């Protein structure tokens, strides 16, 4: 039996599939979408050239799915019961909590595909649709706000009043004329904790991030050397940075998820810097396989680890930087060697 799809039924099915929030936005050219061009013009995208290549498609989802009328937006809580980075000893590697478990792209996309399959099976109406999880040319936070799920915070992260900002967003862009939700309203107020806490001042103004200074960009997206002016600010961060979310009042504390994919995998559950460094390359690849951390590549992780070890002043970890092993060819990569020498020179000074 099939029937015309309605928003309440879609939201109920989304919850059944494991999404914590689901809302619907109309596929409109919202004013917030136009800021992307100014952001690019300011040079804030750094080396992420793909942002400029897809600017036209990112300006309106109807450039992605012709005839789109609705955007179904989902949010999934991934926070787990572990301390924030400022509570960790200096010898601990800081890894953004979204990367501790399984790759969210794969997990969330499979749930969106299941929702989309159910939608097609539930209605006789023909419609076009595409599902994305942080990989398509979609400004998903804007649509999440207009879908009533929350608002874009001053730290540029998406925030829900009840469950905070540890959220994965996903969306289905479709040609169905679904009833939209009321827009979410900004509730940061006068708070500026995130701007003040950013280690490099990457939040140049409320809601505006200069990627060139962001630790997440520097440790994940940047493929070249980390600028020396920012290496000390890296601290113990080896993959991403959560500082601006950790200080947010809406995450004090945030609820946690029991969902298995987001639980820290063995080896990434508050690991020591020296333990990660001493892993052979093949072992390090196995550790991050199937997680979001593969994006940094092994040489990128080694580069980040070298800087973090130099900042840690951990004698055991610093000694490990001087060890050689045939199992760790990535440590001989010129990019990695440059950061090892920087770390060792800092100790010598």
C-alpha atoms as a PDB file:
ATOM      1  CA  UNK A   1       0.000   0.000   0.000  1.00  0.00           C
ATOM      2  CA  UNK A   2       1.356   3.431  -0.900  1.00  0.00           C
ATOM      3  CA  UNK A   3       0.242   6.985  -0.136  1.00  0.00           C
ATOM      4  CA  UNK A   4       1.355  10.564  -0.558  1.00  0.00           C
ATOM      5  CA  UNK A   5       4.317  11.361   1.656  1.00  0.00           C
ATOM      6  CA  UNK A   6       3.887  13.852   4.466  1.00  0.00           C
ATOM      7  CA  UNK A   7       6.513  15.510   6.627  1.00  0.00           C
ATOM      8  CA  UNK A   8       5.455  13.833   9.935  1.00  0.00           C
ATOM      9  CA  UNK A   9       5.821  10.359   8.432  1.00  0.00           C
ATOM     10  CA  UNK A  10       9.279  11.167   7.086  1.00  0.00           C
ATOM     11  CA  UNK A  11      10.410  12.505  10.453  1.00  0.00           C
ATOM     12  CA  UNK A  12       9.091   9.445  12.272  1.00  0.00           C
ATOM     13  CA  UNK A  13      10.932   7.139   9.889  1.00  0.00           C
ATOM     14  CA  UNK A  14      14.104   9.176  10.309  1.00  0.00           C
ATOM     15  CA  UNK A  15      13.965   8.697  14.073  1.00  0.00           C
ATOM     16  CA  UNK A  16      13.379   4.984  13.556  1.00  0.00           C
ATOM     17  CA  UNK A  17      16.542   4.815  11.432  1.00  0.00           C
ATOM     18  CA  UNK A  18      18.690   6.388  14.155  1.00  0.00           C
ATOM     19  CA  UNK A  19      18.594  10.115  13.439  1.00  0.00           C
ATOM     20  CA  UNK A  20      18.175  12.305  16.509  1.00  0.00           C
ATOM     21  CA  UNK A  21      16.630  15.248  14.655  1.00  0.00           C
ATOM     22  CA  UNK A  22      14.865  15.694  11.350  1.00  0.00           C
ATOM     23  CA  UNK A  23      13.366  18.804   9.797  1.00  0.00           C
ATOM     24  CA  UNK A  24      12.401  20.144   6.403  1.00  0.00           C
ATOM     25  CA  UNK A  25      13.430  23.336   4.657  1.00  0.00           C
ATOM     26  CA  UNK A  26      12.087  24.735   1.440  1.00  0.00           C
ATOM     27  CA  UNK A  27      14.611  24.696  -1.406  1.00  0.00           C
ATOM     28  CA  UNK A  28      14.964  28.461  -1.573  1.00  0.00           C
ATOM     29  CA  UNK A  29      17.923  30.831  -2.259  1.00  0.00           C
ATOM     30  CA  UNK A  30      18.302  31.960   1.350  1.00  0.00           C
ATOM     31  CA  UNK A  31      20.276  35.142   1.969  1.00  0.00           C
ATOM     32  CA  UNK A  32      22.878  33.312   4.080  1.00  0.00           C
ATOM     33  CA  UNK A  33      23.915  31.233   1.073  1.00  0.00           C
ATOM     34  CA  UNK A  34      25.356  34.264  -0.694  1.00  0.00           C
ATOM     35  CA  UNK A  35      28.072  34.857   1.949  1.00  0.00           C
ATOM     36  CA  UNK A  36      30.103  31.978   0.495  1.00  0.00           C
ATOM     37  CA  UNK A  37      31.352  34.184  -2.340  1.00  0.00           C
ATOM     38  CA  UNK A  38      32.580  36.864   0.062  1.00  0.00           C
ATOM     39  CA  UNK A  39      34.236  34.194   2.224  1.00  0.00           C
ATOM     40  CA  UNK A  40      36.075  32.846  -0.813  1.00  0.00           C
ATOM     41  CA  UNK A  41      37.062  36.346  -1.927  1.00  0.00           C
ATOM     42  CA  UNK A  42      38.635  36.970   1.478  1.00  0.00           C
ATOM     43  CA  UNK A  43      40.889  33.948   0.900  1.00  0.00           C
ATOM     44  CA  UNK A  44      39.487  32.089   3.887  1.00  0.00           C
ATOM     45  CA  UNK A  45      39.252  28.767   2.039  1.00  0.00           C
ATOM     46  CA  UNK A  46      43.020  28.304   2.079  1.00  0.00           C
ATOM     47  CA  UNK A  47      44.104  25.497  -0.243  1.00  0.00           C
ATOM     48  CA  UNK A  48      40.591  24.044  -0.499  1.00  0.00           C
ATOM     49  CA  UNK A  49      40.247  24.901  -4.192  1.00  0.00           C
ATOM     50  CA  UNK A  50      37.230  22.627  -4.562  1.00  0.00           C
ATOM     51  CA  UNK A  51      35.183  25.164  -2.607  1.00  0.00           C
ATOM     52  CA  UNK A  52      35.637  27.717  -5.384  1.00  0.00           C
ATOM     53  CA  UNK A  53      35.106  25.162  -8.145  1.00  0.00           C
ATOM     54  CA  UNK A  54      31.665  24.311  -6.764  1.00  0.00           C
ATOM     55  CA  UNK A  55      30.609  27.807  -5.660  1.00  0.00           C
ATOM     56  CA  UNK A  56      27.766  28.052  -8.186  1.00  0.00           C
ATOM     57  CA  UNK A  57      26.253  24.732  -7.150  1.00  0.00           C
ATOM     58  CA  UNK A  58      26.655  25.612  -3.476  1.00  0.00           C
ATOM     59  CA  UNK A  59      24.698  28.803  -3.993  1.00  0.00           C
ATOM     60  CA  UNK A  60      21.384  26.934  -4.409  1.00  0.00           C
ATOM     61  CA  UNK A  61      20.448  23.251  -4.058  1.00  0.00           C
ATOM     62  CA  UNK A  62      18.340  23.616  -7.182  1.00  0.00           C
ATOM     63  CA  UNK A  63      21.654  23.677  -9.014  1.00  0.00           C
ATOM     64  CA  UNK A  64      22.300  20.223  -7.554  1.00  0.00           C
ATOM     65  CA  UNK A  65      18.846  18.714  -8.051  1.00  0.00           C
ATOM     66  CA  UNK A  66      16.951  20.585 -10.787  1.00  0.00           C
ATOM     67  CA  UNK A  67      13.394  21.267  -9.712  1.00  0.00           C
ATOM     68  CA  UNK A  68      14.165  20.668  -6.029  1.00  0.00           C
ATOM     69  CA  UNK A  69      11.425  21.892  -3.720  1.00  0.00           C
ATOM     70  CA  UNK A  70      12.413  20.491  -0.317  1.00  0.00           C
ATOM     71  CA  UNK A  71      15.507  19.671   1.714  1.00  0.00           C
ATOM     72  CA  UNK A  72      15.084  17.013   4.387  1.00  0.00           C
ATOM     73  CA  UNK A  73      17.799  17.641   6.982  1.00  0.00           C
ATOM     74  CA  UNK A  74      18.877  15.168   9.651  1.00  0.00           C
ATOM     75  CA  UNK A  75      21.151  15.599  12.656  1.00  0.00           C
ATOM     76  CA  UNK A  76      22.842  12.798  14.583  1.00  0.00           C
ATOM     77  CA  UNK A  77      24.464  13.158  17.999  1.00  0.00           C
ATOM     78  CA  UNK A  78      27.954  11.634  18.137  1.00  0.00           C
ATOM     79  CA  UNK A  79      29.216  12.786  21.523  1.00  0.00           C
ATOM     80  CA  UNK A  80      30.612  10.049  23.767  1.00  0.00           C
ATOM     81  CA  UNK A  81      31.477   9.886  27.437  1.00  0.00           C
ATOM     82  CA  UNK A  82      35.066  11.139  27.347  1.00  0.00           C
ATOM     83  CA  UNK A  83      36.696  14.266  28.844  1.00  0.00           C
ATOM     84  CA  UNK A  84      37.233  17.449  26.869  1.00  0.00           C
ATOM     85  CA  UNK A  85      40.733  18.255  25.611  1.00  0.00           C
ATOM     86  CA  UNK A  86      41.582  20.755  28.355  1.00  0.00           C
ATOM     87  CA  UNK A  87      41.201  17.962  30.910  1.00  0.00           C
ATOM     88  CA  UNK A  88      43.806  15.712  29.256  1.00  0.00           C
ATOM     89  CA  UNK A  89      47.503  15.429  30.184  1.00  0.00           C
ATOM     90  CA  UNK A  90      49.970  16.886  27.629  1.00  0.00           C
ATOM     91  CA  UNK A  91      51.184  13.468  26.487  1.00  0.00           C
ATOM     92  CA  UNK A  92      47.687  12.590  25.202  1.00  0.00           C
ATOM     93  CA  UNK A  93      46.996  12.987  21.495  1.00  0.00           C
ATOM     94  CA  UNK A  94      44.021  15.251  20.842  1.00  0.00           C
ATOM     95  CA  UNK A  95      41.805  13.778  18.126  1.00  0.00           C
ATOM     96  CA  UNK A  96      38.478  15.427  17.283  1.00  0.00           C
ATOM     97  CA  UNK A  97      35.753  13.273  18.756  1.00  0.00           C
ATOM     98  CA  UNK A  98      33.892  12.960  15.460  1.00  0.00           C
ATOM     99  CA  UNK A  99      36.830  10.851  14.199  1.00  0.00           C
ATOM    100  CA  UNK A 100      37.125   8.429  17.128  1.00  0.00           C
ATOM    101  CA  UNK A 101      34.765   5.843  15.717  1.00  0.00           C
ATOM    102  CA  UNK A 102      33.579   4.801  12.272  1.00  0.00           C
ATOM    103  CA  UNK A 103      33.521   7.152   9.313  1.00  0.00           C
ATOM    104  CA  UNK A 104      30.349   9.197   9.667  1.00  0.00           C
ATOM    105  CA  UNK A 105      30.103   9.670   5.905  1.00  0.00           C
ATOM    106  CA  UNK A 106      29.490   5.942   5.444  1.00  0.00           C
ATOM    107  CA  UNK A 107      27.239   5.420   8.458  1.00  0.00           C
ATOM    108  CA  UNK A 108      24.994   8.446   7.947  1.00  0.00           C
ATOM    109  CA  UNK A 109      24.832   7.948   4.175  1.00  0.00           C
ATOM    110  CA  UNK A 110      23.584   4.374   4.648  1.00  0.00           C
ATOM    111  CA  UNK A 111      20.811   5.666   6.929  1.00  0.00           C
ATOM    112  CA  UNK A 112      19.879   8.400   4.465  1.00  0.00           C
ATOM    113  CA  UNK A 113      19.799   5.834   1.657  1.00  0.00           C
ATOM    114  CA  UNK A 114      17.467   3.691   3.767  1.00  0.00           C
ATOM    115  CA  UNK A 115      15.210   6.702   4.371  1.00  0.00           C
ATOM    116  CA  UNK A 116      15.184   7.533   0.679  1.00  0.00           C
ATOM    117  CA  UNK A 117      14.435   3.929  -0.258  1.00  0.00           C
ATOM    118  CA  UNK A 118      11.511   3.935   2.176  1.00  0.00           C
ATOM    119  CA  UNK A 119      10.255   7.203   0.668  1.00  0.00           C
ATOM    120  CA  UNK A 120      10.252   5.763  -2.834  1.00  0.00           C
ATOM    121  CA  UNK A 121       8.499   2.610  -1.618  1.00  0.00           C
ATOM    122  CA  UNK A 122       5.914   4.564   0.335  1.00  0.00           C
ATOM    123  CA  UNK A 123       4.534   6.831  -2.356  1.00  0.00           C
ATOM    124  CA  UNK A 124       3.216   6.430  -5.882  1.00  0.00           C
ATOM    125  CA  UNK A 125       4.452   9.914  -6.694  1.00  0.00           C
ATOM    126  CA  UNK A 126       7.561  10.039  -8.860  1.00  0.00           C
ATOM    127  CA  UNK A 127      10.251  12.342  -7.543  1.00  0.00           C
ATOM    128  CA  UNK A 128      13.956  13.060  -7.948  1.00  0.00           C
ATOM    129  CA  UNK A 129      16.263  13.111  -4.956  1.00  0.00           C
ATOM    130  CA  UNK A 130      19.891  13.025  -3.876  1.00  0.00           C
ATOM    131  CA  UNK A 131      21.345  12.352  -0.443  1.00  0.00           C
ATOM    132  CA  UNK A 132      24.534  13.928   0.881  1.00  0.00           C
ATOM    133  CA  UNK A 133      26.655  13.751   4.023  1.00  0.00           C
ATOM    134  CA  UNK A 134      29.212  16.547   4.108  1.00  0.00           C
ATOM    135  CA  UNK A 135      30.515  15.613   0.667  1.00  0.00           C
ATOM    136  CA  UNK A 136      28.144  17.285  -1.789  1.00  0.00           C
ATOM    137  CA  UNK A 137      28.045  20.938  -2.868  1.00  0.00           C
ATOM    138  CA  UNK A 138      25.494  21.859  -0.201  1.00  0.00           C
ATOM    139  CA  UNK A 139      25.649  24.516   2.519  1.00  0.00           C
ATOM    140  CA  UNK A 140      23.938  22.134   4.891  1.00  0.00           C
ATOM    141  CA  UNK A 141      24.055  24.289   8.018  1.00  0.00           C
ATOM    142  CA  UNK A 142      21.953  26.966   6.319  1.00  0.00           C
ATOM    143  CA  UNK A 143      19.293  24.431   5.355  1.00  0.00           C
ATOM    144  CA  UNK A 144      19.448  22.846   8.822  1.00  0.00           C
ATOM    145  CA  UNK A 145      18.645  26.240  10.330  1.00  0.00           C
ATOM    146  CA  UNK A 146      15.708  26.784   7.995  1.00  0.00           C
ATOM    147  CA  UNK A 147      14.573  23.230   8.760  1.00  0.00           C
ATOM    148  CA  UNK A 148      14.158  24.303  12.381  1.00  0.00           C
ATOM    149  CA  UNK A 149      16.878  22.082  13.859  1.00  0.00           C
ATOM    150  CA  UNK A 150      18.805  24.924  15.505  1.00  0.00           C
ATOM    151  CA  UNK A 151      21.120  27.700  14.393  1.00  0.00           C
ATOM    152  CA  UNK A 152      24.615  28.402  13.115  1.00  0.00           C
ATOM    153  CA  UNK A 153      26.688  29.468  16.091  1.00  0.00           C
ATOM    154  CA  UNK A 154      29.379  32.113  16.337  1.00  0.00           C
ATOM    155  CA  UNK A 155      31.922  29.285  16.032  1.00  0.00           C
ATOM    156  CA  UNK A 156      30.302  28.364  12.659  1.00  0.00           C
ATOM    157  CA  UNK A 157      29.157  25.015  14.108  1.00  0.00           C
ATOM    158  CA  UNK A 158      25.506  24.036  14.066  1.00  0.00           C
ATOM    159  CA  UNK A 159      23.887  24.129  17.498  1.00  0.00           C
ATOM    160  CA  UNK A 160      20.675  22.626  18.838  1.00  0.00           C
ATOM    161  CA  UNK A 161      19.459  24.058  22.147  1.00  0.00           C
ATOM    162  CA  UNK A 162      18.683  20.649  23.681  1.00  0.00           C
ATOM    163  CA  UNK A 163      21.550  18.459  22.483  1.00  0.00           C
ATOM    164  CA  UNK A 164      24.352  20.876  21.657  1.00  0.00           C
ATOM    165  CA  UNK A 165      26.643  20.911  18.632  1.00  0.00           C
ATOM    166  CA  UNK A 166      28.231  17.455  18.514  1.00  0.00           C
ATOM    167  CA  UNK A 167      26.100  16.732  15.463  1.00  0.00           C
ATOM    168  CA  UNK A 168      26.502  15.111  12.067  1.00  0.00           C
ATOM    169  CA  UNK A 169      24.273  16.716   9.457  1.00  0.00           C
ATOM    170  CA  UNK A 170      22.863  14.937   6.433  1.00  0.00           C
ATOM    171  CA  UNK A 171      20.314  15.915   3.843  1.00  0.00           C
ATOM    172  CA  UNK A 172      18.045  14.627   1.116  1.00  0.00           C
ATOM    173  CA  UNK A 173      17.331  17.169  -1.609  1.00  0.00           C
ATOM    174  CA  UNK A 174      14.134  16.246  -3.390  1.00  0.00           C
ATOM    175  CA  UNK A 175      11.468  17.508  -5.771  1.00  0.00           C
ATOM    176  CA  UNK A 176       8.620  16.684  -3.362  1.00  0.00           C
ATOM    177  CA  UNK A 177       6.602  19.690  -2.097  1.00  0.00           C
ATOM    178  CA  UNK A 178       6.899  18.923   1.627  1.00  0.00           C
ATOM    179  CA  UNK A 179       5.664  21.223   4.387  1.00  0.00           C
ATOM    180  CA  UNK A 180       8.674  23.154   5.729  1.00  0.00           C
ATOM    181  CA  UNK A 181       9.428  23.780   9.385  1.00  0.00           C
ATOM    182  CA  UNK A 182       9.825  27.183  11.013  1.00  0.00           C
ATOM    183  CA  UNK A 183      13.332  28.607  10.852  1.00  0.00           C
ATOM    184  CA  UNK A 184      15.577  28.067  13.879  1.00  0.00           C
ATOM    185  CA  UNK A 185      16.571  31.282  15.658  1.00  0.00           C
ATOM    186  CA  UNK A 186      20.074  32.236  16.779  1.00  0.00           C
ATOM    187  CA  UNK A 187      20.511  31.791  20.539  1.00  0.00           C
ATOM    188  CA  UNK A 188      24.179  32.572  21.152  1.00  0.00           C
ATOM    189  CA  UNK A 189      23.243  35.968  22.567  1.00  0.00           C
ATOM    190  CA  UNK A 190      26.191  37.984  23.833  1.00  0.00           C
ATOM    191  CA  UNK A 191      28.378  34.908  24.487  1.00  0.00           C
ATOM    192  CA  UNK A 192      31.814  35.011  22.808  1.00  0.00           C
ATOM    193  CA  UNK A 193      33.506  32.089  24.550  1.00  0.00           C
ATOM    194  CA  UNK A 194      34.297  30.298  21.299  1.00  0.00           C
ATOM    195  CA  UNK A 195      35.953  33.345  19.731  1.00  0.00           C
ATOM    196  CA  UNK A 196      38.047  33.924  22.835  1.00  0.00           C
ATOM    197  CA  UNK A 197      39.079  30.275  23.190  1.00  0.00           C
ATOM    198  CA  UNK A 198      40.220  29.649  19.595  1.00  0.00           C
ATOM    199  CA  UNK A 199      43.965  28.871  19.870  1.00  0.00           C
ATOM    200  CA  UNK A 200      44.875  30.795  16.695  1.00  0.00           C
ATOM    201  CA  UNK A 201      42.168  33.447  16.458  1.00  0.00           C
ATOM    202  CA  UNK A 202      40.710  31.703  13.429  1.00  0.00           C
ATOM    203  CA  UNK A 203      37.236  32.973  14.302  1.00  0.00           C
ATOM    204  CA  UNK A 204      37.870  36.454  12.958  1.00  0.00           C
ATOM    205  CA  UNK A 205      34.341  37.593  13.758  1.00  0.00           C
ATOM    206  CA  UNK A 206      31.124  35.897  14.897  1.00  0.00           C
ATOM    207  CA  UNK A 207      30.220  33.224  12.362  1.00  0.00           C
ATOM    208  CA  UNK A 208      33.298  33.802  10.171  1.00  0.00           C
ATOM    209  CA  UNK A 209      36.187  31.330  10.125  1.00  0.00           C
ATOM    210  CA  UNK A 210      39.551  31.916   8.467  1.00  0.00           C
ATOM    211  CA  UNK A 211      40.513  28.353   7.559  1.00  0.00           C
ATOM    212  CA  UNK A 212      44.165  29.338   7.144  1.00  0.00           C
ATOM    213  CA  UNK A 213      44.406  29.680  10.914  1.00  0.00           C
ATOM    214  CA  UNK A 214      42.037  26.887  11.986  1.00  0.00           C
ATOM    215  CA  UNK A 215      43.686  23.887  13.640  1.00  0.00           C
ATOM    216  CA  UNK A 216      41.235  21.539  11.961  1.00  0.00           C
ATOM    217  CA  UNK A 217      42.246  22.876   8.550  1.00  0.00           C
ATOM    218  CA  UNK A 218      45.954  22.871   9.421  1.00  0.00           C
ATOM    219  CA  UNK A 219      45.925  19.249  10.640  1.00  0.00           C
ATOM    220  CA  UNK A 220      43.503  17.775   8.090  1.00  0.00           C
ATOM    221  CA  UNK A 221      43.009  19.744   4.890  1.00  0.00           C
ATOM    222  CA  UNK A 222      46.437  21.377   4.538  1.00  0.00           C
ATOM    223  CA  UNK A 223      48.766  19.104   2.523  1.00  0.00           C
ATOM    224  CA  UNK A 224      51.907  21.241   2.783  1.00  0.00           C
ATOM    225  CA  UNK A 225      53.945  22.283   5.806  1.00  0.00           C
ATOM    226  CA  UNK A 226      52.162  23.763   8.800  1.00  0.00           C
ATOM    227  CA  UNK A 227      53.225  27.426   9.027  1.00  0.00           C
ATOM    228  CA  UNK A 228      55.762  27.844  11.831  1.00  0.00           C
ATOM    229  CA  UNK A 229      53.716  30.704  13.277  1.00  0.00           C
ATOM    230  CA  UNK A 230      50.946  28.223  14.118  1.00  0.00           C
ATOM    231  CA  UNK A 231      52.922  25.148  15.189  1.00  0.00           C
ATOM    232  CA  UNK A 232      53.097  26.047  18.868  1.00  0.00           C
ATOM    233  CA  UNK A 233      49.343  26.689  18.840  1.00  0.00           C
ATOM    234  CA  UNK A 234      48.761  23.143  17.587  1.00  0.00           C
ATOM    235  CA  UNK A 235      49.459  21.965  21.127  1.00  0.00           C
ATOM    236  CA  UNK A 236      48.623  18.273  21.282  1.00  0.00           C
ATOM    237  CA  UNK A 237      46.126  18.299  18.409  1.00  0.00           C
ATOM    238  CA  UNK A 238      46.965  15.622  15.846  1.00  0.00           C
ATOM    239  CA  UNK A 239      43.657  15.540  13.975  1.00  0.00           C
ATOM    240  CA  UNK A 240      41.231  18.403  14.163  1.00  0.00           C
ATOM    241  CA  UNK A 241      40.287  20.650  17.056  1.00  0.00           C
ATOM    242  CA  UNK A 242      37.194  20.759  19.262  1.00  0.00           C
ATOM    243  CA  UNK A 243      38.038  23.738  21.473  1.00  0.00           C
ATOM    244  CA  UNK A 244      35.332  26.064  20.146  1.00  0.00           C
ATOM    245  CA  UNK A 245      32.706  23.393  20.775  1.00  0.00           C
ATOM    246  CA  UNK A 246      34.042  22.345  24.165  1.00  0.00           C
ATOM    247  CA  UNK A 247      33.663  25.851  25.589  1.00  0.00           C
ATOM    248  CA  UNK A 248      30.150  26.327  24.183  1.00  0.00           C
ATOM    249  CA  UNK A 249      27.555  26.598  26.981  1.00  0.00           C
ATOM    250  CA  UNK A 250      25.227  24.325  25.024  1.00  0.00           C
ATOM    251  CA  UNK A 251      27.808  21.547  25.407  1.00  0.00           C
ATOM    252  CA  UNK A 252      28.201  22.020  29.176  1.00  0.00           C
ATOM    253  CA  UNK A 253      27.591  19.175  29.340  1.00  0.00           C
ATOM    254  CA  UNK A 254      26.162  17.727  26.155  1.00  0.00           C
ATOM    255  CA  UNK A 255      24.205  14.471  26.130  1.00  0.00           C
ATOM    256  CA  UNK A 256      26.088  11.391  24.970  1.00  0.00           C
ATOM    257  CA  UNK A 257      25.189   8.809  22.365  1.00  0.00           C
ATOM    258  CA  UNK A 258      25.261   5.038  22.955  1.00  0.00           C
ATOM    259  CA  UNK A 259      25.333   4.474  19.182  1.00  0.00           C
ATOM    260  CA  UNK A 260      28.068   1.916  18.461  1.00  0.00           C
ATOM    261  CA  UNK A 261      29.650   3.617  15.401  1.00  0.00           C
ATOM    262  CA  UNK A 262      30.614   6.705  17.402  1.00  0.00           C
ATOM    263  CA  UNK A 263      32.319   4.946  20.296  1.00  0.00           C
ATOM    264  CA  UNK A 264      36.120   5.334  20.341  1.00  0.00           C
ATOM    265  CA  UNK A 265      37.847   2.458  18.609  1.00  0.00           C
ATOM    266  CA  UNK A 266      40.714   0.718  20.363  1.00  0.00           C
ATOM    267  CA  UNK A 267      43.847   2.732  19.800  1.00  0.00           C
ATOM    268  CA  UNK A 268      41.987   6.040  19.435  1.00  0.00           C
ATOM    269  CA  UNK A 269      40.530   6.096  22.924  1.00  0.00           C
ATOM    270  CA  UNK A 270      42.639   8.882  24.471  1.00  0.00           C
ATOM    271  CA  UNK A 271      45.919   7.544  22.982  1.00  0.00           C
ATOM    272  CA  UNK A 272      49.350   8.746  24.030  1.00  0.00           C
ATOM    273  CA  UNK A 273      51.380  10.641  21.440  1.00  0.00           C
ATOM    274  CA  UNK A 274      54.318   8.279  21.769  1.00  0.00           C
ATOM    275  CA  UNK A 275      52.133   5.217  21.232  1.00  0.00           C
ATOM    276  CA  UNK A 276      50.704   6.604  18.009  1.00  0.00           C
ATOM    277  CA  UNK A 277      54.148   7.670  16.796  1.00  0.00           C
ATOM    278  CA  UNK A 278      55.709   4.248  17.392  1.00  0.00           C
ATOM    279  CA  UNK A 279      53.039   2.406  15.428  1.00  0.00           C
ATOM    280  CA  UNK A 280      54.417   1.032  12.141  1.00  0.00           C
ATOM    281  CA  UNK A 281      52.911   2.647   9.059  1.00  0.00           C
ATOM    282  CA  UNK A 282      50.831  -0.417   8.192  1.00  0.00           C
ATOM    283  CA  UNK A 283      49.540  -0.603  11.756  1.00  0.00           C
ATOM    284  CA  UNK A 284      48.656   3.102  11.683  1.00  0.00           C
ATOM    285  CA  UNK A 285      46.767   2.562   8.414  1.00  0.00           C
ATOM    286  CA  UNK A 286      44.821  -0.309   9.947  1.00  0.00           C
ATOM    287  CA  UNK A 287      43.999   1.819  12.983  1.00  0.00           C
ATOM    288  CA  UNK A 288      42.412   4.630  10.961  1.00  0.00           C
ATOM    289  CA  UNK A 289      40.910   2.471   8.209  1.00  0.00           C
ATOM    290  CA  UNK A 290      37.163   2.999   8.064  1.00  0.00           C
ATOM    291  CA  UNK A 291      37.386   6.215  10.080  1.00  0.00           C
ATOM    292  CA  UNK A 292      37.360   9.862   9.041  1.00  0.00           C
ATOM    293  CA  UNK A 293      41.072  10.066   9.884  1.00  0.00           C
ATOM    294  CA  UNK A 294      42.078   8.571   6.553  1.00  0.00           C
ATOM    295  CA  UNK A 295      41.626  12.056   5.058  1.00  0.00           C
ATOM    296  CA  UNK A 296      44.899  13.291   6.563  1.00  0.00           C
ATOM    297  CA  UNK A 297      46.959  10.458   5.014  1.00  0.00           C
ATOM    298  CA  UNK A 298      49.754   8.739   6.950  1.00  0.00           C
ATOM    299  CA  UNK A 299      52.340  11.420   6.170  1.00  0.00           C
ATOM    300  CA  UNK A 300      49.914  14.087   7.350  1.00  0.00           C
ATOM    301  CA  UNK A 301      49.332  12.274  10.635  1.00  0.00           C
ATOM    302  CA  UNK A 302      53.082  11.878  11.146  1.00  0.00           C
ATOM    303  CA  UNK A 303      53.565  15.595  10.455  1.00  0.00           C
ATOM    304  CA  UNK A 304      50.920  16.462  13.040  1.00  0.00           C
ATOM    305  CA  UNK A 305      52.281  14.009  15.593  1.00  0.00           C
ATOM    306  CA  UNK A 306      55.785  15.426  15.265  1.00  0.00           C
ATOM    307  CA  UNK A 307      54.530  18.942  16.004  1.00  0.00           C
ATOM    308  CA  UNK A 308      52.373  17.766  18.920  1.00  0.00           C
ATOM    309  CA  UNK A 309      55.268  15.813  20.408  1.00  0.00           C
ATOM    310  CA  UNK A 310      57.503  18.865  20.142  1.00  0.00           C
ATOM    311  CA  UNK A 311      54.878  20.882  21.990  1.00  0.00           C
ATOM    312  CA  UNK A 312      54.372  18.223  24.670  1.00  0.00           C
ATOM    313  CA  UNK A 313      57.911  18.224  26.121  1.00  0.00           C
ATOM    314  CA  UNK A 314      57.323  14.504  26.770  1.00  0.00           C
ATOM    315  CA  UNK A 315      60.852  13.063  27.027  1.00  0.00           C
ATOM    316  CA  UNK A 316      59.800   9.574  25.973  1.00  0.00           C
ATOM    317  CA  UNK A 317      57.917  10.845  22.925  1.00  0.00           C
ATOM    318  CA  UNK A 318      60.742  13.215  21.928  1.00  0.00           C
ATOM    319  CA  UNK A 319      63.217  10.339  22.131  1.00  0.00           C
ATOM    320  CA  UNK A 320      60.931   8.327  19.855  1.00  0.00           C
ATOM    321  CA  UNK A 321      61.198  11.041  17.195  1.00  0.00           C
ATOM    322  CA  UNK A 322      64.883  10.177  16.846  1.00  0.00           C
ATOM    323  CA  UNK A 323      64.294   6.461  16.389  1.00  0.00           C
ATOM    324  CA  UNK A 324      64.409   4.893  12.937  1.00  0.00           C
ATOM    325  CA  UNK A 325      62.513   1.851  11.720  1.00  0.00           C
ATOM    326  CA  UNK A 326      62.060   0.127   8.387  1.00  0.00           C
ATOM    327  CA  UNK A 327      58.396  -0.266   9.335  1.00  0.00           C
ATOM    328  CA  UNK A 328      57.902   3.515   9.352  1.00  0.00           C
ATOM    329  CA  UNK A 329      58.985   4.803   5.912  1.00  0.00           C
ATOM    330  CA  UNK A 330      56.644   7.783   6.289  1.00  0.00           C
ATOM    331  CA  UNK A 331      59.029   9.236   8.876  1.00  0.00           C
ATOM    332  CA  UNK A 332      61.523   9.763   6.041  1.00  0.00           C
ATOM    333  CA  UNK A 333      59.084  11.807   3.996  1.00  0.00           C
ATOM    334  CA  UNK A 334      60.630  15.302   3.499  1.00  0.00           C
ATOM    335  CA  UNK A 335      57.482  16.947   4.835  1.00  0.00           C
ATOM    336  CA  UNK A 336      57.553  14.807   7.981  1.00  0.00           C
ATOM    337  CA  UNK A 337      61.308  15.272   8.426  1.00  0.00           C
ATOM    338  CA  UNK A 338      60.889  19.055   8.405  1.00  0.00           C
ATOM    339  CA  UNK A 339      58.433  18.872  11.307  1.00  0.00           C
ATOM    340  CA  UNK A 340      60.538  16.344  13.213  1.00  0.00           C
ATOM    341  CA  UNK A 341      63.518  18.703  13.002  1.00  0.00           C
ATOM    342  CA  UNK A 342      61.344  21.597  14.154  1.00  0.00           C
ATOM    343  CA  UNK A 343      60.239  19.586  17.185  1.00  0.00           C
ATOM    344  CA  UNK A 344      63.784  18.498  18.050  1.00  0.00           C
ATOM    345  CA  UNK A 345      65.204  21.995  17.566  1.00  0.00           C
ATOM    346  CA  UNK A 346      62.634  23.321  19.972  1.00  0.00           C
ATOM    347  CA  UNK A 347      63.812  20.872  22.610  1.00  0.00           C
ATOM    348  CA  UNK A 348      67.457  21.791  21.954  1.00  0.00           C
ATOM    349  CA  UNK A 349      66.640  25.453  22.419  1.00  0.00           C
END
